[in-house]
Amino acid sequence: MASDTLSLSAFYHQFPKADLHYHLLGGVRLETMLAFADKYGVDLPEQEAKCYYRAYQHEGSVVKGGIEALTFLYQLMREPEDYYRVLTEVAEDAHACGVRYIETFWNPSDTALSYATVTDTLAQAIEDVEQRLGLIVRLIPSINREKSPEEAVDMVNAMIAYPHPYVLGIGIDYKEHNAPVEHFWKAYALAQSHGLRTTAHCSEFGLHWRNVETGVELIHVDRIDHGYTLIDNPELTALYAQHGIPFTVIPSNTYYFKLWPEHEQWAMNHPIRTMAKAGLNIIPCTDDWHIHDTTSANCYRVMVEDFGFDLDSLRQMLINSIEACWMPEELKQQWLTEWTTDFDRLRGTLAAEPVIAPHKLIQYCRAR
């Protein structure tokens, strides 16, 4: 291979990306979790800590999953410097994979520190990271839907009382089985009345498409996170494709790994493929970087090598991610020009384009 050509792996790492669905604590490195435990005298053997990380499931550990890991990590992080360290490390890992912009979720109702304290700490880390790496991070405080709707309103009131330019909107996450988004309508209405953007995890765990419909039609969110079962309603799918509603989709989503443990079956049946074929506005994201054992580069590799998207499709998804982010319109237009130029330049240096089996190939073109 000539020295001036790129391998596919290098291409996945280098082309510019935005990650709009990234849980801050999902990006905590194993060694960082262990360091926090040691710092505060928490008895946490390394083998037990590994239970929270998919990368170590081959060792026979009982994997506890992302939600349990996030809950535990919030209990471990007790000082502002802990949040500074995590955001800085998240940015370093993302930067190594070509990520230029992140919108990251965190859960104010789960922390031992005040909303203002964590916000100020994260903001300082954001400024230091941008100066050092050029990577931009913005914040989406998120409702823990396993807590009460009143606590969600309290979270939004804390945001209103302490506004910050790096805080762009609100989200909602954790298990939605007994907590559909409409339970939290007051918090969403309050946020929207104060100019905050909104998104919501809906139909993440194979739950009914009605959760997506409620998020869009009743709560009026700007984006949907996950939303996979929408495809069970073809008419609604076509309507939301026509309207261009953004869906942040996660190739490493735990539910579908469990539903189809055999790799080929998982790859061919994953709803992301059907969402793309229907013309929905999909945006590949990482969700829980270290906990899910993925990276932004791997996320896009999976889209090509497992799901069968071609590189034109990746380019469109890159455009989708910029258009769906919550930065000022003028900056987004600048990124659209710069990032697609960089994508095309890097693509032009590929030693070879990916070879995709005809039965798997998806040439994705978003409905407009």
Protein backbone atom coordinates (compact mmCIF):
# COMPACT_ATOMS: atom_id res chain seq x y z
CA MET A 1 0.00 0.00 0.00
CA ALA A 2 1.45 3.39 -0.96
CA SER A 3 2.35 5.68 1.92
CA ASP A 4 -0.04 8.37 0.72
CA THR A 5 -3.09 6.10 0.74
CA LEU A 6 -5.47 5.37 3.60
CA SER A 7 -6.75 2.06 4.85
CA LEU A 8 -10.45 1.81 5.62
CA SER A 9 -9.64 1.66 9.32
CA ALA A 10 -7.69 4.91 9.09
CA PHE A 11 -10.51 6.49 7.10
CA TYR A 12 -13.08 5.59 9.77
CA HIS A 13 -10.83 7.21 12.36
CA GLN A 14 -10.00 10.37 10.45
CA PHE A 15 -13.11 11.66 8.71
CA PRO A 16 -14.93 14.38 10.72
CA LYS A 17 -17.86 13.38 12.90
CA ALA A 18 -20.46 14.75 15.31
CA ASP A 19 -21.75 12.54 18.12
CA LEU A 20 -25.15 13.80 19.26
CA HIS A 21 -25.98 10.90 21.59
CA TYR A 22 -23.17 10.41 24.08
CA HIS A 23 -23.74 9.76 27.78
CA LEU A 24 -20.89 11.44 29.61
CA LEU A 25 -20.47 8.70 32.17
CA GLY A 26 -20.72 6.03 29.49
CA GLY A 27 -17.32 7.31 28.40
CA VAL A 28 -15.59 6.68 31.74
CA ARG A 29 -12.53 4.50 31.28
CA LEU A 30 -12.17 1.40 33.47
CA GLU A 31 -9.00 2.73 35.05
CA THR A 32 -10.81 5.96 35.89
CA MET A 33 -13.63 4.12 37.63
CA LEU A 34 -11.05 2.20 39.66
CA ALA A 35 -9.19 5.44 40.46
CA PHE A 36 -12.39 7.04 41.81
CA ALA A 37 -13.08 3.98 43.96
CA ASP A 38 -9.55 4.11 45.35
CA LYS A 39 -9.79 7.85 45.93
CA TYR A 40 -12.91 7.52 48.08
CA GLY A 41 -12.10 4.22 49.75
CA VAL A 42 -14.84 2.27 47.96
CA ASP A 43 -14.25 -1.47 47.89
CA LEU A 44 -14.29 -2.21 44.16
CA PRO A 45 -12.21 -5.16 42.95
CA GLU A 46 -11.15 -4.83 39.33
CA GLN A 47 -13.16 -7.92 38.33
CA GLU A 48 -16.31 -6.38 39.74
CA ALA A 49 -15.66 -3.08 37.94
CA LYS A 50 -15.26 -5.00 34.69
CA CYS A 51 -18.86 -6.22 35.04
CA TYR A 52 -19.96 -2.77 33.90
CA TYR A 53 -18.00 -2.95 30.63
CA ARG A 54 -18.98 -5.03 27.62
CA ALA A 55 -15.34 -5.45 26.61
CA TYR A 56 -14.76 -7.86 29.49
CA GLN A 57 -17.81 -10.08 29.17
CA HIS A 58 -15.60 -12.77 27.59
CA GLU A 59 -13.94 -13.19 30.97
CA GLY A 60 -17.11 -14.71 32.32
CA SER A 61 -18.27 -11.66 34.26
CA VAL A 62 -21.96 -11.05 34.66
CA VAL A 63 -22.42 -7.88 32.62
CA LYS A 64 -24.56 -5.44 34.59
CA GLY A 65 -25.25 -3.10 31.70
CA GLY A 66 -24.98 0.60 30.92
CA ILE A 67 -27.72 1.96 33.17
CA GLU A 68 -26.36 0.18 36.24
CA ALA A 69 -22.87 1.44 35.42
CA LEU A 70 -24.02 5.05 35.10
CA THR A 71 -25.88 4.88 38.41
CA PHE A 72 -22.85 3.47 40.17
CA LEU A 73 -20.50 6.02 38.63
CA TYR A 74 -22.61 8.95 39.80
CA GLN A 75 -22.22 7.60 43.34
CA LEU A 76 -18.45 7.40 42.87
CA MET A 77 -17.97 10.93 41.53
CA ARG A 78 -18.01 13.20 44.55
CA GLU A 79 -15.87 16.22 43.73
CA PRO A 80 -15.86 18.70 40.83
CA GLU A 81 -12.45 17.51 39.66
CA ASP A 82 -13.95 14.08 38.94
CA TYR A 83 -16.29 15.58 36.34
CA TYR A 84 -13.44 17.61 34.88
CA ARG A 85 -11.35 14.46 34.47
CA VAL A 86 -14.14 12.50 32.83
CA LEU A 87 -15.05 15.16 30.28
CA THR A 88 -11.39 15.67 29.41
CA GLU A 89 -10.82 11.96 28.87
CA VAL A 90 -14.04 11.65 26.85
CA ALA A 91 -12.81 14.42 24.58
CA GLU A 92 -9.36 12.84 24.17
CA ASP A 93 -10.86 9.48 23.17
CA ALA A 94 -13.32 11.11 20.78
CA HIS A 95 -10.65 13.32 19.21
CA ALA A 96 -8.58 10.23 18.40
CA CYS A 97 -11.53 9.00 16.30
CA GLY A 98 -12.07 12.17 14.29
CA VAL A 99 -14.93 13.53 16.39
CA ARG A 100 -15.16 17.31 16.18
CA TYR A 101 -18.40 17.95 18.06
CA ILE A 102 -20.24 16.20 20.91
CA GLU A 103 -23.58 16.81 22.57
CA THR A 104 -23.37 14.87 25.82
CA PHE A 105 -26.04 13.81 28.30
CA TRP A 106 -25.63 13.91 32.06
CA ASN A 107 -28.17 13.45 34.87
CA PRO A 108 -28.27 16.28 37.43
CA SER A 109 -30.70 14.43 39.69
CA ASP A 110 -28.13 11.67 40.23
CA THR A 111 -25.14 13.71 41.33
CA ALA A 112 -23.95 14.48 44.84
CA LEU A 113 -23.05 18.00 43.71
CA SER A 114 -25.24 20.95 42.82
CA TYR A 115 -26.32 21.59 39.24
CA ALA A 116 -24.37 24.87 39.18
CA THR A 117 -21.18 23.24 40.47
CA VAL A 118 -21.19 20.45 37.89
CA THR A 119 -22.12 22.83 35.08
CA ASP A 120 -19.28 25.21 35.93
CA THR A 121 -16.81 22.33 36.14
CA LEU A 122 -17.87 20.82 32.84
CA ALA A 123 -17.80 24.25 31.21
CA GLN A 124 -14.20 24.79 32.32
CA ALA A 125 -13.24 21.40 30.94
CA ILE A 126 -15.04 22.21 27.67
CA GLU A 127 -13.07 25.42 27.26
CA ASP A 128 -9.76 23.73 28.03
CA VAL A 129 -10.52 20.88 25.63
CA GLU A 130 -11.48 23.21 22.80
CA GLN A 131 -8.30 25.23 23.25
CA ARG A 132 -6.11 22.12 23.34
CA LEU A 133 -7.83 19.79 20.84
CA GLY A 134 -10.21 21.98 18.84
CA LEU A 135 -13.07 19.64 19.76
CA ILE A 136 -16.34 21.32 20.79
CA VAL A 137 -18.56 19.82 23.51
CA ARG A 138 -22.01 20.98 24.56
CA LEU A 139 -24.28 19.76 27.37
CA ILE A 140 -27.74 18.19 27.54
CA PRO A 141 -28.88 17.74 31.16
CA SER A 142 -31.21 14.76 31.16
CA ILE A 143 -34.18 13.57 33.15
CA ASN A 144 -33.80 10.28 34.99
CA ARG A 145 -37.18 8.82 34.08
CA GLU A 146 -36.89 6.27 36.89
CA LYS A 147 -37.45 9.18 39.26
CA SER A 148 -40.60 11.27 39.59
CA PRO A 149 -41.93 13.85 37.12
CA GLU A 150 -41.65 16.40 39.94
CA GLU A 151 -37.90 15.80 40.16
CA ALA A 152 -37.71 16.37 36.41
CA VAL A 153 -39.38 19.76 36.86
CA ASP A 154 -36.90 20.53 39.65
CA MET A 155 -34.06 19.76 37.24
CA VAL A 156 -35.39 22.16 34.62
CA ASN A 157 -35.96 24.86 37.25
CA ALA A 158 -32.31 24.49 38.29
CA MET A 159 -31.30 24.98 34.67
CA ILE A 160 -33.48 28.07 34.35
CA ALA A 161 -32.07 29.52 37.57
CA TYR A 162 -28.51 28.96 36.36
CA PRO A 163 -28.44 29.40 32.55
CA HIS A 164 -25.22 28.67 30.68
CA PRO A 165 -24.40 29.08 26.98
CA TYR A 166 -22.96 25.56 26.80
CA VAL A 167 -26.25 24.03 27.98
CA LEU A 168 -28.42 23.63 24.89
CA GLY A 169 -31.45 21.63 25.96
CA ILE A 170 -32.79 18.63 27.86
CA GLY A 171 -33.12 14.92 27.26
CA ILE A 172 -34.58 11.93 29.05
CA ASP A 173 -33.04 8.50 29.50
CA TYR A 174 -32.88 5.29 31.55
CA LYS A 175 -35.59 2.60 31.40
CA GLU A 176 -38.78 3.80 29.76
CA HIS A 177 -40.83 0.64 30.37
CA ASN A 178 -42.92 2.22 33.14
CA ALA A 179 -42.05 5.83 32.38
CA PRO A 180 -43.10 6.94 28.89
CA VAL A 181 -42.11 10.44 27.93
CA GLU A 182 -45.61 11.90 28.42
CA HIS A 183 -45.26 11.47 32.19
CA PHE A 184 -42.71 14.28 32.04
CA TRP A 185 -44.66 16.74 29.91
CA LYS A 186 -44.43 19.53 32.50
CA ALA A 187 -40.64 19.44 32.53
CA TYR A 188 -40.54 19.49 28.73
CA ALA A 189 -43.06 22.32 28.44
CA LEU A 190 -41.12 24.34 30.99
CA ALA A 191 -37.86 23.81 29.15
CA GLN A 192 -39.36 24.73 25.80
CA SER A 193 -40.95 27.86 27.22
CA HIS A 194 -37.45 29.03 28.18
CA GLY A 195 -35.94 28.40 24.77
CA LEU A 196 -34.26 25.06 25.47
CA ARG A 197 -34.09 22.37 22.78
CA THR A 198 -35.49 18.92 23.50
CA THR A 199 -34.82 15.28 22.72
CA ALA A 200 -36.00 11.99 24.23
CA HIS A 201 -35.03 8.34 24.38
CA CYS A 202 -38.07 6.57 22.95
CA SER A 203 -38.67 2.93 21.96
CA GLU A 204 -35.12 1.99 22.92
CA PHE A 205 -35.77 -1.50 24.28
CA GLY A 206 -38.16 -2.84 21.68
CA LEU A 207 -41.02 -0.87 23.21
CA HIS A 208 -44.06 0.23 21.20
CA TRP A 209 -43.75 2.77 18.39
CA ARG A 210 -46.39 4.81 20.19
CA ASN A 211 -43.63 6.14 22.46
CA VAL A 212 -42.00 7.78 19.44
CA GLU A 213 -45.31 9.17 18.26
CA THR A 214 -45.95 10.67 21.69
CA GLY A 215 -42.51 12.26 21.78
CA VAL A 216 -43.06 13.91 18.41
CA GLU A 217 -46.77 14.73 18.42
CA LEU A 218 -47.46 15.47 22.09
CA ILE A 219 -44.12 16.58 23.57
CA HIS A 220 -42.85 18.13 20.29
CA VAL A 221 -39.24 17.10 20.76
CA ASP A 222 -36.65 18.26 18.24
CA ARG A 223 -34.99 14.84 18.02
CA ILE A 224 -35.67 11.21 18.90
CA ASP A 225 -32.97 9.06 20.47
CA HIS A 226 -33.26 5.42 19.31
CA GLY A 227 -36.87 5.12 18.07
CA TYR A 228 -36.34 1.73 16.40
CA THR A 229 -39.86 0.30 16.60
CA LEU A 230 -41.23 3.18 14.55
CA ILE A 231 -40.68 0.88 11.57
CA ASP A 232 -43.55 -1.30 12.88
CA ASN A 233 -45.82 1.52 11.70
CA PRO A 234 -44.97 2.05 8.00
CA GLU A 235 -47.39 4.95 7.59
CA LEU A 236 -45.90 6.89 10.50
CA THR A 237 -42.40 5.99 9.35
CA ALA A 238 -43.09 7.49 5.93
CA LEU A 239 -44.54 10.64 7.52
CA TYR A 240 -41.55 11.18 9.81
CA ALA A 241 -39.18 10.50 6.93
CA GLN A 242 -40.96 13.19 4.93
CA HIS A 243 -40.71 15.62 7.85
CA GLY A 244 -37.02 14.89 8.34
CA ILE A 245 -37.26 14.21 12.08
CA PRO A 246 -33.75 13.31 13.28
CA PHE A 247 -33.17 9.92 14.91
CA THR A 248 -29.92 9.26 16.75
CA VAL A 249 -29.34 5.53 16.24
CA ILE A 250 -26.93 3.27 18.09
CA PRO A 251 -25.37 0.26 16.32
CA SER A 252 -24.13 -1.06 19.69
CA ASN A 253 -27.61 -0.98 21.26
CA THR A 254 -27.76 -3.72 23.89
CA TYR A 255 -31.35 -4.83 23.25
CA TYR A 256 -30.70 -6.03 19.70
CA PHE A 257 -27.46 -7.80 20.64
CA LYS A 258 -29.54 -9.86 23.05
CA LEU A 259 -32.42 -10.34 20.62
CA TRP A 260 -30.15 -11.66 17.85
CA PRO A 261 -26.96 -12.99 19.46
CA GLU A 262 -25.82 -14.55 16.17
CA HIS A 263 -23.85 -11.89 14.29
CA GLU A 264 -25.22 -12.34 10.77
CA GLN A 265 -28.81 -12.41 11.99
CA TRP A 266 -28.21 -9.27 14.06
CA ALA A 267 -26.58 -7.46 11.14
CA MET A 268 -29.29 -8.29 8.62
CA ASN A 269 -32.27 -7.69 10.92
CA HIS A 270 -31.20 -4.59 12.80
CA PRO A 271 -33.90 -1.89 12.51
CA ILE A 272 -31.32 0.73 11.56
CA ARG A 273 -31.21 -0.89 8.10
CA THR A 274 -34.99 -0.62 7.71
CA MET A 275 -35.02 2.96 9.01
CA ALA A 276 -32.48 3.91 6.36
CA LYS A 277 -34.34 2.16 3.56
CA ALA A 278 -37.46 4.10 4.58
CA GLY A 279 -35.57 7.39 4.20
CA LEU A 280 -35.60 8.37 7.87
CA ASN A 281 -33.10 10.98 8.99
CA ILE A 282 -30.68 8.73 10.87
CA ILE A 283 -27.53 9.79 12.72
CA PRO A 284 -25.15 7.08 13.97
CA CYS A 285 -23.95 7.72 17.52
CA THR A 286 -22.03 5.87 20.21
CA ASP A 287 -24.32 6.18 23.28
CA ASP A 288 -21.99 4.69 25.95
CA TRP A 289 -18.49 4.66 24.48
CA HIS A 290 -16.46 2.55 26.93
CA ILE A 291 -19.36 0.78 28.60
CA HIS A 292 -20.60 -0.46 25.20
CA ASP A 293 -17.04 -1.17 24.02
CA THR A 294 -17.33 1.00 20.95
CA THR A 295 -15.89 4.17 19.45
CA SER A 296 -17.13 6.66 16.90
CA ALA A 297 -14.80 5.11 14.32
CA ASN A 298 -16.16 1.66 15.11
CA CYS A 299 -19.72 2.97 14.96
CA TYR A 300 -19.25 3.96 11.33
CA ARG A 301 -17.28 0.80 10.57
CA VAL A 302 -20.27 -1.24 11.73
CA MET A 303 -22.57 0.80 9.51
CA VAL A 304 -20.48 -0.21 6.50
CA GLU A 305 -19.00 -3.62 7.23
CA ASP A 306 -21.88 -5.14 9.21
CA PHE A 307 -25.01 -3.30 8.05
CA GLY A 308 -23.93 -2.76 4.43
CA PHE A 309 -24.03 1.01 3.93
CA ASP A 310 -21.76 2.41 1.24
CA LEU A 311 -19.53 5.47 1.70
CA ASP A 312 -22.01 7.79 -0.01
CA SER A 313 -24.42 6.80 2.77
CA LEU A 314 -21.84 7.66 5.43
CA ARG A 315 -21.40 11.06 3.85
CA GLN A 316 -25.15 11.66 4.04
CA MET A 317 -25.20 10.60 7.69
CA LEU A 318 -22.39 13.06 8.38
CA ILE A 319 -24.54 15.79 6.82
CA ASN A 320 -27.51 14.63 8.90
CA SER A 321 -25.48 14.95 12.10
CA ILE A 322 -24.50 18.54 11.39
CA GLU A 323 -28.01 19.58 10.37
CA ALA A 324 -29.53 17.99 13.49
CA CYS A 325 -27.11 19.46 16.01
CA TRP A 326 -28.08 22.42 18.16
CA MET A 327 -25.32 24.85 17.25
CA PRO A 328 -25.95 28.20 15.50
CA GLU A 329 -27.04 27.92 11.87
CA GLU A 330 -24.12 29.95 10.53
CA LEU A 331 -21.61 27.59 12.16
CA LYS A 332 -23.49 24.55 10.90
CA GLN A 333 -23.27 25.86 7.34
CA GLN A 334 -19.54 26.35 7.79
CA TRP A 335 -19.16 22.79 9.07
CA LEU A 336 -21.20 21.39 6.18
CA THR A 337 -18.71 22.88 3.75
CA GLU A 338 -15.55 22.05 5.68
CA TRP A 339 -16.46 18.57 6.88
CA THR A 340 -17.79 17.27 3.58
CA THR A 341 -14.68 18.64 1.85
CA ASP A 342 -12.49 16.80 4.34
CA PHE A 343 -14.57 13.62 3.94
CA ASP A 344 -14.21 13.75 0.15
CA ARG A 345 -10.48 14.45 0.35
CA LEU A 346 -9.85 11.52 2.68
CA ARG A 347 -12.07 9.24 0.62
CA GLY A 348 -10.01 10.14 -2.42
CA THR A 349 -6.90 8.73 -0.74
CA LEU A 350 -8.45 5.34 0.12
CA ALA A 351 -6.45 2.40 -1.10
CA ALA A 352 -9.76 0.68 -1.89
CA GLU A 353 -13.45 1.29 -1.24
CA PRO A 354 -15.25 -1.31 0.88
CA VAL A 355 -16.61 -4.35 -0.91
CA ILE A 356 -20.18 -5.00 0.21
CA ALA A 357 -22.14 -8.13 -0.65
CA PRO A 358 -25.02 -7.28 -3.03
CA HIS A 359 -27.64 -8.81 -0.69
CA LYS A 360 -26.49 -6.50 2.10
CA LEU A 361 -25.75 -3.24 0.26
CA ILE A 362 -27.72 -0.15 1.32
CA GLN A 363 -27.36 3.03 -0.74
CA TYR A 364 -28.98 5.36 1.74
CA CYS A 365 -30.57 8.57 0.58
CA ARG A 366 -32.53 10.51 3.16
CA ALA A 367 -36.11 11.48 2.26
CA ARG A 368 -36.49 15.21 1.81
